[in-house]
Amino acid sequence: MRLAVLLSVLSLFGACKDETVTGYGGDAATWTLQSIDGRPFGARATLILPEEGQIAGQAPCNSYSGQQTAPYPWFAPTAIVATKRACGELDAETRFFRALADMTLVEVVGDILILSNDAGREMIFSAAR
């Protein structure tokens, strides 16, 4: 009984809200990749957070989806699956997926989403609303 009351009170104060990036403003946009490691990304790639614990988007050639259940500000994409279309931008797509897999932190600042890691790598996305 006490546990039920405690959980009810905590939920009123937001203690049980979505603790992944979707709960911190990341789900409000389609995020378009601008750069990887300070270099402009010449192809188009997007990241969306369709619901709590999920990621999806369009890489330069293929659409993809996966899971991201780490609490904010951590980022841990897992179970990423992609379609298998070939195109002239497969090198860019490989760079995108390798960089995405290396990211461990996420930060949402207004219309900018930054993925980074302790090794100094980063991916900068801007919101396309």
C-alpha atoms as a PDB file:
ATOM      1  CA  MET A   1       0.000   0.000   0.000  1.00  0.00           C
ATOM      2  CA  ARG A   2       2.757   2.452   0.933  1.00  0.00           C
ATOM      3  CA  LEU A   3       4.602   1.657  -2.296  1.00  0.00           C
ATOM      4  CA  ALA A   4       1.510   2.451  -4.386  1.00  0.00           C
ATOM      5  CA  VAL A   5       1.079   5.784  -2.627  1.00  0.00           C
ATOM      6  CA  LEU A   6       4.782   6.603  -3.045  1.00  0.00           C
ATOM      7  CA  LEU A   7       4.696   5.800  -6.761  1.00  0.00           C
ATOM      8  CA  SER A   8       1.590   7.944  -7.213  1.00  0.00           C
ATOM      9  CA  VAL A   9       3.228  10.898  -5.475  1.00  0.00           C
ATOM     10  CA  LEU A  10       6.473  10.507  -7.439  1.00  0.00           C
ATOM     11  CA  SER A  11       4.599  10.396 -10.743  1.00  0.00           C
ATOM     12  CA  LEU A  12       2.918  13.699  -9.868  1.00  0.00           C
ATOM     13  CA  PHE A  13       6.346  15.304  -9.559  1.00  0.00           C
ATOM     14  CA  GLY A  14       7.670  13.832 -12.796  1.00  0.00           C
ATOM     15  CA  ALA A  15       9.954  11.239 -11.233  1.00  0.00           C
ATOM     16  CA  CYS A  16       8.572   8.517 -13.516  1.00  0.00           C
ATOM     17  CA  LYS A  17       8.744  10.425 -16.807  1.00  0.00           C
ATOM     18  CA  ASP A  18      10.607   9.268 -19.889  1.00  0.00           C
ATOM     19  CA  GLU A  19      14.293   9.484 -18.961  1.00  0.00           C
ATOM     20  CA  THR A  20      15.588   8.843 -22.495  1.00  0.00           C
ATOM     21  CA  VAL A  21      16.325  11.694 -24.891  1.00  0.00           C
ATOM     22  CA  THR A  22      12.671  11.763 -26.002  1.00  0.00           C
ATOM     23  CA  GLY A  23      11.745  13.093 -22.570  1.00  0.00           C
ATOM     24  CA  TYR A  24      14.165  16.003 -22.935  1.00  0.00           C
ATOM     25  CA  GLY A  25      12.940  17.513 -26.199  1.00  0.00           C
ATOM     26  CA  GLY A  26      14.545  15.127 -28.644  1.00  0.00           C
ATOM     27  CA  ASP A  27      11.256  13.810 -29.992  1.00  0.00           C
ATOM     28  CA  ALA A  28      10.050  17.155 -31.304  1.00  0.00           C
ATOM     29  CA  ALA A  29      11.862  17.040 -34.635  1.00  0.00           C
ATOM     30  CA  THR A  30      13.430  15.175 -37.466  1.00  0.00           C
ATOM     31  CA  TRP A  31      17.136  15.716 -36.831  1.00  0.00           C
ATOM     32  CA  THR A  32      19.245  16.232 -39.964  1.00  0.00           C
ATOM     33  CA  LEU A  33      22.952  15.429 -39.725  1.00  0.00           C
ATOM     34  CA  GLN A  34      25.156  18.480 -40.352  1.00  0.00           C
ATOM     35  CA  SER A  35      28.627  17.224 -39.449  1.00  0.00           C
ATOM     36  CA  ILE A  36      30.678  14.327 -38.131  1.00  0.00           C
ATOM     37  CA  ASP A  37      33.785  15.164 -36.127  1.00  0.00           C
ATOM     38  CA  GLY A  38      33.717  18.807 -37.249  1.00  0.00           C
ATOM     39  CA  ARG A  39      33.523  18.006 -40.971  1.00  0.00           C
ATOM     40  CA  PRO A  40      30.361  18.792 -42.949  1.00  0.00           C
ATOM     41  CA  PHE A  41      28.437  15.684 -43.907  1.00  0.00           C
ATOM     42  CA  GLY A  42      27.808  15.929 -47.655  1.00  0.00           C
ATOM     43  CA  ALA A  43      25.004  13.373 -47.837  1.00  0.00           C
ATOM     44  CA  ARG A  44      21.570  13.485 -46.219  1.00  0.00           C
ATOM     45  CA  ALA A  45      20.989  11.489 -43.034  1.00  0.00           C
ATOM     46  CA  THR A  46      18.305  11.919 -40.396  1.00  0.00           C
ATOM     47  CA  LEU A  47      17.545  10.748 -36.879  1.00  0.00           C
ATOM     48  CA  ILE A  48      14.089  10.675 -35.326  1.00  0.00           C
ATOM     49  CA  LEU A  49      12.917   9.524 -31.914  1.00  0.00           C
ATOM     50  CA  PRO A  50       9.443   8.203 -32.734  1.00  0.00           C
ATOM     51  CA  GLU A  51       8.669   7.013 -29.211  1.00  0.00           C
ATOM     52  CA  GLU A  52      10.343   6.313 -25.905  1.00  0.00           C
ATOM     53  CA  GLY A  53      13.333   4.020 -26.350  1.00  0.00           C
ATOM     54  CA  GLN A  54      13.250   4.017 -30.161  1.00  0.00           C
ATOM     55  CA  ILE A  55      15.367   5.624 -32.884  1.00  0.00           C
ATOM     56  CA  ALA A  56      14.799   5.653 -36.624  1.00  0.00           C
ATOM     57  CA  GLY A  57      15.736   7.666 -39.651  1.00  0.00           C
ATOM     58  CA  GLN A  58      17.097   7.779 -43.131  1.00  0.00           C
ATOM     59  CA  ALA A  59      20.780   7.107 -43.785  1.00  0.00           C
ATOM     60  CA  PRO A  60      22.175   8.243 -47.144  1.00  0.00           C
ATOM     61  CA  CYS A  61      20.880   5.077 -48.863  1.00  0.00           C
ATOM     62  CA  ASN A  62      18.658   3.185 -46.448  1.00  0.00           C
ATOM     63  CA  SER A  63      16.072   3.707 -43.764  1.00  0.00           C
ATOM     64  CA  TYR A  64      16.921   2.326 -40.333  1.00  0.00           C
ATOM     65  CA  SER A  65      15.497   1.778 -36.875  1.00  0.00           C
ATOM     66  CA  GLY A  66      16.729   0.610 -33.515  1.00  0.00           C
ATOM     67  CA  GLN A  67      16.555   1.053 -29.780  1.00  0.00           C
ATOM     68  CA  GLN A  68      18.003   3.694 -27.465  1.00  0.00           C
ATOM     69  CA  THR A  69      16.990   3.045 -23.881  1.00  0.00           C
ATOM     70  CA  ALA A  70      19.871   4.622 -21.955  1.00  0.00           C
ATOM     71  CA  PRO A  71      18.814   7.430 -19.591  1.00  0.00           C
ATOM     72  CA  TYR A  72      19.551  10.999 -20.645  1.00  0.00           C
ATOM     73  CA  PRO A  73      22.301  12.203 -21.226  1.00  0.00           C
ATOM     74  CA  TRP A  74      23.612   8.773 -22.189  1.00  0.00           C
ATOM     75  CA  PHE A  75      23.174   7.421 -25.698  1.00  0.00           C
ATOM     76  CA  ALA A  76      23.459   3.723 -26.478  1.00  0.00           C
ATOM     77  CA  PRO A  77      21.934   2.752 -29.822  1.00  0.00           C
ATOM     78  CA  THR A  78      21.296  -0.999 -30.106  1.00  0.00           C
ATOM     79  CA  ALA A  79      19.547  -3.459 -32.398  1.00  0.00           C
ATOM     80  CA  ILE A  80      19.902  -1.165 -35.422  1.00  0.00           C
ATOM     81  CA  VAL A  81      18.451  -2.657 -38.579  1.00  0.00           C
ATOM     82  CA  ALA A  82      18.469  -1.085 -42.035  1.00  0.00           C
ATOM     83  CA  THR A  83      17.050  -1.787 -45.443  1.00  0.00           C
ATOM     84  CA  LYS A  84      19.524  -3.142 -48.012  1.00  0.00           C
ATOM     85  CA  ARG A  85      19.319  -0.681 -50.919  1.00  0.00           C
ATOM     86  CA  ALA A  86      22.471   0.108 -52.879  1.00  0.00           C
ATOM     87  CA  CYS A  87      23.265   3.648 -53.976  1.00  0.00           C
ATOM     88  CA  GLY A  88      26.203   5.880 -54.837  1.00  0.00           C
ATOM     89  CA  GLU A  89      26.538   7.101 -51.249  1.00  0.00           C
ATOM     90  CA  LEU A  90      27.315   3.803 -49.498  1.00  0.00           C
ATOM     91  CA  ASP A  91      30.661   5.178 -48.244  1.00  0.00           C
ATOM     92  CA  ALA A  92      28.835   8.071 -46.554  1.00  0.00           C
ATOM     93  CA  GLU A  93      26.306   5.633 -45.127  1.00  0.00           C
ATOM     94  CA  THR A  94      29.076   3.474 -43.662  1.00  0.00           C
ATOM     95  CA  ARG A  95      30.633   6.575 -42.026  1.00  0.00           C
ATOM     96  CA  PHE A  96      27.225   7.540 -40.628  1.00  0.00           C
ATOM     97  CA  PHE A  97      26.473   4.126 -39.079  1.00  0.00           C
ATOM     98  CA  ARG A  98      29.993   3.722 -37.672  1.00  0.00           C
ATOM     99  CA  ALA A  99      29.865   7.162 -36.066  1.00  0.00           C
ATOM    100  CA  LEU A 100      26.350   6.553 -34.704  1.00  0.00           C
ATOM    101  CA  ALA A 101      27.497   3.294 -33.090  1.00  0.00           C
ATOM    102  CA  ASP A 102      30.422   5.115 -31.399  1.00  0.00           C
ATOM    103  CA  MET A 103      28.293   7.784 -29.703  1.00  0.00           C
ATOM    104  CA  THR A 104      27.682   7.524 -25.948  1.00  0.00           C
ATOM    105  CA  LEU A 105      26.263  10.938 -24.955  1.00  0.00           C
ATOM    106  CA  VAL A 106      23.382  13.041 -26.254  1.00  0.00           C
ATOM    107  CA  GLU A 107      22.500  16.671 -25.652  1.00  0.00           C
ATOM    108  CA  VAL A 108      19.521  18.628 -26.947  1.00  0.00           C
ATOM    109  CA  VAL A 109      20.020  22.401 -27.048  1.00  0.00           C
ATOM    110  CA  GLY A 110      17.089  24.106 -28.755  1.00  0.00           C
ATOM    111  CA  ASP A 111      17.209  23.147 -32.429  1.00  0.00           C
ATOM    112  CA  ILE A 112      20.534  21.314 -32.129  1.00  0.00           C
ATOM    113  CA  LEU A 113      21.114  17.700 -31.102  1.00  0.00           C
ATOM    114  CA  ILE A 114      24.696  16.705 -30.315  1.00  0.00           C
ATOM    115  CA  LEU A 115      25.873  13.112 -30.072  1.00  0.00           C
ATOM    116  CA  SER A 116      29.374  12.647 -28.679  1.00  0.00           C
ATOM    117  CA  ASN A 117      31.717  10.305 -26.857  1.00  0.00           C
ATOM    118  CA  ASP A 118      34.647  10.478 -24.444  1.00  0.00           C
ATOM    119  CA  ALA A 119      37.138  10.069 -27.311  1.00  0.00           C
ATOM    120  CA  GLY A 120      36.141  13.504 -28.657  1.00  0.00           C
ATOM    121  CA  ARG A 121      34.000  12.341 -31.562  1.00  0.00           C
ATOM    122  CA  GLU A 122      30.731  14.129 -32.258  1.00  0.00           C
ATOM    123  CA  MET A 123      27.794  14.279 -34.600  1.00  0.00           C
ATOM    124  CA  ILE A 124      25.848  17.534 -34.914  1.00  0.00           C
ATOM    125  CA  PHE A 125      22.207  17.441 -36.035  1.00  0.00           C
ATOM    126  CA  SER A 126      19.824  20.335 -36.608  1.00  0.00           C
ATOM    127  CA  ALA A 127      16.054  20.204 -36.303  1.00  0.00           C
ATOM    128  CA  ALA A 128      13.931  20.078 -39.422  1.00  0.00           C
ATOM    129  CA  ARG A 129      10.447  20.684 -38.081  1.00  0.00           C
END
